[in-house]
């Protein structure tokens, strides 16, 4: 920032021509320069701007600015792990005879009992175990498991979530 010499400006003088603070801002890539002062002084400095910009450009050549990322919402732990490239702690299950048995194995694990899981999470967990089914197949299997009473389902903001149904004691 280049600041021109400032003089105290009284409130009654602020409205007079040439007395009010005046600023001019220039951006070059990631860098910004602001020239402040009386209007006349700033305009005289702007006339010298090509020479100033050459000097400023030379000064900024050696500066490396780190990029920063600002997150508006805090991601969930699992999404933080994905962003860092860490594989999620999916349960390891053995190969199953069918998609429904694979889903039940996932939901019976600590991972599945810990909290209800979305269709996407179940699909990713299956893929982490090298078990590949299309989303449409997985969705149909989950619907049948719900109808048979093996799995409970309800709608949330993220979509439907699934959890193992508790067995009734006789």
Protein backbone atom coordinates (compact mmCIF):
# COMPACT_ATOMS: atom_id res chain seq x y z
CA UNK A 1 0.00 0.00 0.00
CA UNK A 2 1.34 3.40 -0.92
CA UNK A 3 0.08 6.11 1.40
CA UNK A 4 0.54 9.73 0.62
CA UNK A 5 1.13 12.06 3.54
CA UNK A 6 -2.12 12.68 5.38
CA UNK A 7 -3.14 15.83 7.13
CA UNK A 8 -5.87 16.00 9.72
CA UNK A 9 -9.10 16.98 8.03
CA UNK A 10 -11.66 18.72 10.19
CA UNK A 11 -15.32 17.78 9.78
CA UNK A 12 -16.22 21.27 8.51
CA UNK A 13 -13.43 21.09 5.89
CA UNK A 14 -14.35 17.57 4.73
CA UNK A 15 -16.93 18.77 2.25
CA UNK A 16 -14.62 21.35 0.59
CA UNK A 17 -13.02 20.49 -2.74
CA UNK A 18 -9.64 18.83 -2.33
CA UNK A 19 -9.93 18.44 1.44
CA UNK A 20 -11.84 15.14 1.72
CA UNK A 21 -9.89 11.87 1.84
CA UNK A 22 -9.63 10.24 -1.58
CA UNK A 23 -8.35 6.80 -2.51
CA UNK A 24 -7.56 4.88 -5.67
CA UNK A 25 -7.12 1.10 -5.69
CA UNK A 26 -5.35 -0.99 -8.37
CA UNK A 27 -5.21 -4.78 -8.50
CA UNK A 28 -2.49 -6.74 -10.31
CA UNK A 29 -3.21 -10.45 -10.17
CA UNK A 30 -3.28 -11.39 -6.49
CA UNK A 31 -1.78 -8.08 -5.33
CA UNK A 32 -3.53 -4.81 -4.68
CA UNK A 33 -2.26 -1.27 -4.22
CA UNK A 34 -4.24 1.56 -2.70
CA UNK A 35 -3.25 5.22 -3.01
CA UNK A 36 -4.85 7.49 -0.40
CA UNK A 37 -4.67 11.20 0.22
CA UNK A 38 -6.18 14.42 -0.98
CA UNK A 39 -7.90 14.17 -4.33
CA UNK A 40 -5.35 16.37 -6.11
CA UNK A 41 -2.39 14.43 -4.66
CA UNK A 42 -3.89 11.08 -5.67
CA UNK A 43 -4.59 12.31 -9.21
CA UNK A 44 -0.99 13.56 -9.54
CA UNK A 45 0.25 10.18 -8.33
CA UNK A 46 -1.97 8.38 -10.87
CA UNK A 47 -0.18 10.29 -13.64
CA UNK A 48 3.02 8.60 -12.44
CA UNK A 49 1.24 5.21 -12.25
CA UNK A 50 3.07 3.49 -15.18
CA UNK A 51 6.42 4.15 -13.52
CA UNK A 52 5.06 3.14 -10.10
CA UNK A 53 3.52 -0.07 -11.46
CA UNK A 54 6.86 -1.06 -12.98
CA UNK A 55 8.50 -0.66 -9.56
CA UNK A 56 5.67 -2.43 -7.78
CA UNK A 57 5.71 -5.28 -10.30
CA UNK A 58 9.42 -5.79 -9.65
CA UNK A 59 8.80 -5.81 -5.91
CA UNK A 60 6.05 -8.45 -6.21
CA UNK A 61 8.09 -10.79 -8.45
CA UNK A 62 9.92 -12.24 -5.47
CA UNK A 63 6.85 -12.64 -3.28
CA UNK A 64 5.13 -16.03 -3.26
CA UNK A 65 1.67 -16.03 -1.74
CA UNK A 66 0.29 -19.29 -0.38
CA UNK A 67 -3.21 -20.07 -1.56
CA UNK A 68 -5.70 -20.46 1.22
CA UNK A 69 -9.04 -22.22 1.18
CA UNK A 70 -11.92 -20.92 3.22
CA UNK A 71 -14.66 -23.39 4.06
CA UNK A 72 -18.09 -21.99 4.83
CA UNK A 73 -19.46 -25.17 6.38
CA UNK A 74 -17.45 -27.65 8.37
CA UNK A 75 -17.41 -30.99 6.54
CA UNK A 76 -18.21 -34.20 8.37
CA UNK A 77 -15.31 -36.33 9.58
CA UNK A 78 -15.75 -38.77 6.70
CA UNK A 79 -15.65 -35.97 4.12
CA UNK A 80 -12.55 -34.50 5.80
CA UNK A 81 -10.87 -37.88 5.44
CA UNK A 82 -11.82 -38.01 1.75
CA UNK A 83 -10.40 -34.52 1.16
CA UNK A 84 -7.09 -35.58 2.74
CA UNK A 85 -7.03 -38.72 0.57
CA UNK A 86 -7.37 -41.06 3.53
CA UNK A 87 -9.49 -44.14 2.84
CA UNK A 88 -12.58 -44.25 5.00
CA UNK A 89 -12.75 -46.87 7.71
CA UNK A 90 -15.14 -49.17 5.89
CA UNK A 91 -15.65 -52.59 7.41
CA UNK A 92 -14.03 -55.53 5.72
CA UNK A 93 -16.54 -58.16 4.73
CA UNK A 94 -16.03 -61.45 2.97
CA UNK A 95 -17.44 -62.06 -0.48
CA UNK A 96 -21.16 -62.66 -0.28
CA UNK A 97 -23.40 -64.86 -2.41
CA UNK A 98 -25.68 -61.95 -3.20
CA UNK A 99 -26.05 -58.22 -2.93
CA UNK A 100 -28.59 -58.54 -0.10
CA UNK A 101 -26.22 -60.71 1.98
CA UNK A 102 -23.38 -58.24 1.39
CA UNK A 103 -25.59 -55.34 2.53
CA UNK A 104 -26.67 -57.26 5.64
CA UNK A 105 -23.01 -58.00 6.49
CA UNK A 106 -22.24 -54.26 6.23
CA UNK A 107 -25.19 -53.28 8.41
CA UNK A 108 -24.34 -55.98 11.00
CA UNK A 109 -20.81 -54.58 11.39
CA UNK A 110 -19.91 -51.90 13.95
CA UNK A 111 -19.78 -49.43 11.05
CA UNK A 112 -23.38 -50.23 10.09
CA UNK A 113 -24.68 -50.25 13.67
CA UNK A 114 -22.93 -47.00 14.62
CA UNK A 115 -25.40 -44.86 12.66
CA UNK A 116 -27.84 -45.21 9.78
CA UNK A 117 -26.14 -45.21 6.37
CA UNK A 118 -27.15 -43.67 3.05
CA UNK A 119 -27.33 -45.53 -0.24
CA UNK A 120 -24.13 -43.76 -1.35
CA UNK A 121 -22.26 -44.80 1.81
CA UNK A 122 -23.37 -48.42 1.40
CA UNK A 123 -22.32 -48.39 -2.25
CA UNK A 124 -18.88 -46.96 -1.36
CA UNK A 125 -18.43 -49.54 1.42
CA UNK A 126 -19.22 -52.36 -1.01
CA UNK A 127 -16.77 -50.95 -3.56
CA UNK A 128 -14.09 -50.67 -0.85
CA UNK A 129 -14.55 -54.43 -0.42
CA UNK A 130 -14.29 -55.02 -4.19
CA UNK A 131 -17.99 -55.86 -4.40
CA UNK A 132 -19.53 -53.94 -7.29
CA UNK A 133 -23.26 -53.52 -7.85
CA UNK A 134 -25.02 -50.74 -9.75
CA UNK A 135 -26.83 -48.19 -7.57
CA UNK A 136 -30.15 -49.28 -9.09
CA UNK A 137 -29.54 -52.90 -8.00
CA UNK A 138 -28.48 -51.81 -4.52
CA UNK A 139 -31.56 -49.58 -4.21
CA UNK A 140 -33.88 -52.44 -5.22
CA UNK A 141 -32.18 -54.82 -2.76
CA UNK A 142 -32.57 -52.27 0.07
CA UNK A 143 -36.28 -51.87 -0.78
CA UNK A 144 -36.81 -55.65 -0.58
CA UNK A 145 -34.90 -55.86 2.72
CA UNK A 146 -37.11 -53.09 4.13
CA UNK A 147 -40.30 -54.88 2.99
CA UNK A 148 -39.11 -58.15 4.54
CA UNK A 149 -38.38 -56.36 7.83
CA UNK A 150 -34.62 -56.96 7.91
CA UNK A 151 -33.76 -53.29 7.48
CA UNK A 152 -35.38 -50.05 8.68
CA UNK A 153 -35.47 -46.96 6.47
CA UNK A 154 -36.46 -43.32 6.93
CA UNK A 155 -35.98 -40.09 5.04
CA UNK A 156 -33.49 -37.41 6.16
CA UNK A 157 -32.05 -34.25 4.58
CA UNK A 158 -29.38 -36.42 2.91
CA UNK A 159 -31.97 -38.85 1.53
CA UNK A 160 -33.05 -42.23 2.83
CA UNK A 161 -30.93 -43.86 5.51
CA UNK A 162 -30.80 -47.55 6.35
CA UNK A 163 -30.03 -49.47 9.52
CA UNK A 164 -30.43 -53.08 10.57
CA UNK A 165 -33.86 -53.75 12.09
CA UNK A 166 -33.78 -54.95 15.68
CA UNK A 167 -34.94 -58.52 16.12
CA UNK A 168 -38.02 -58.97 18.26
CA UNK A 169 -37.67 -61.31 21.23
CA UNK A 170 -40.40 -63.91 21.72
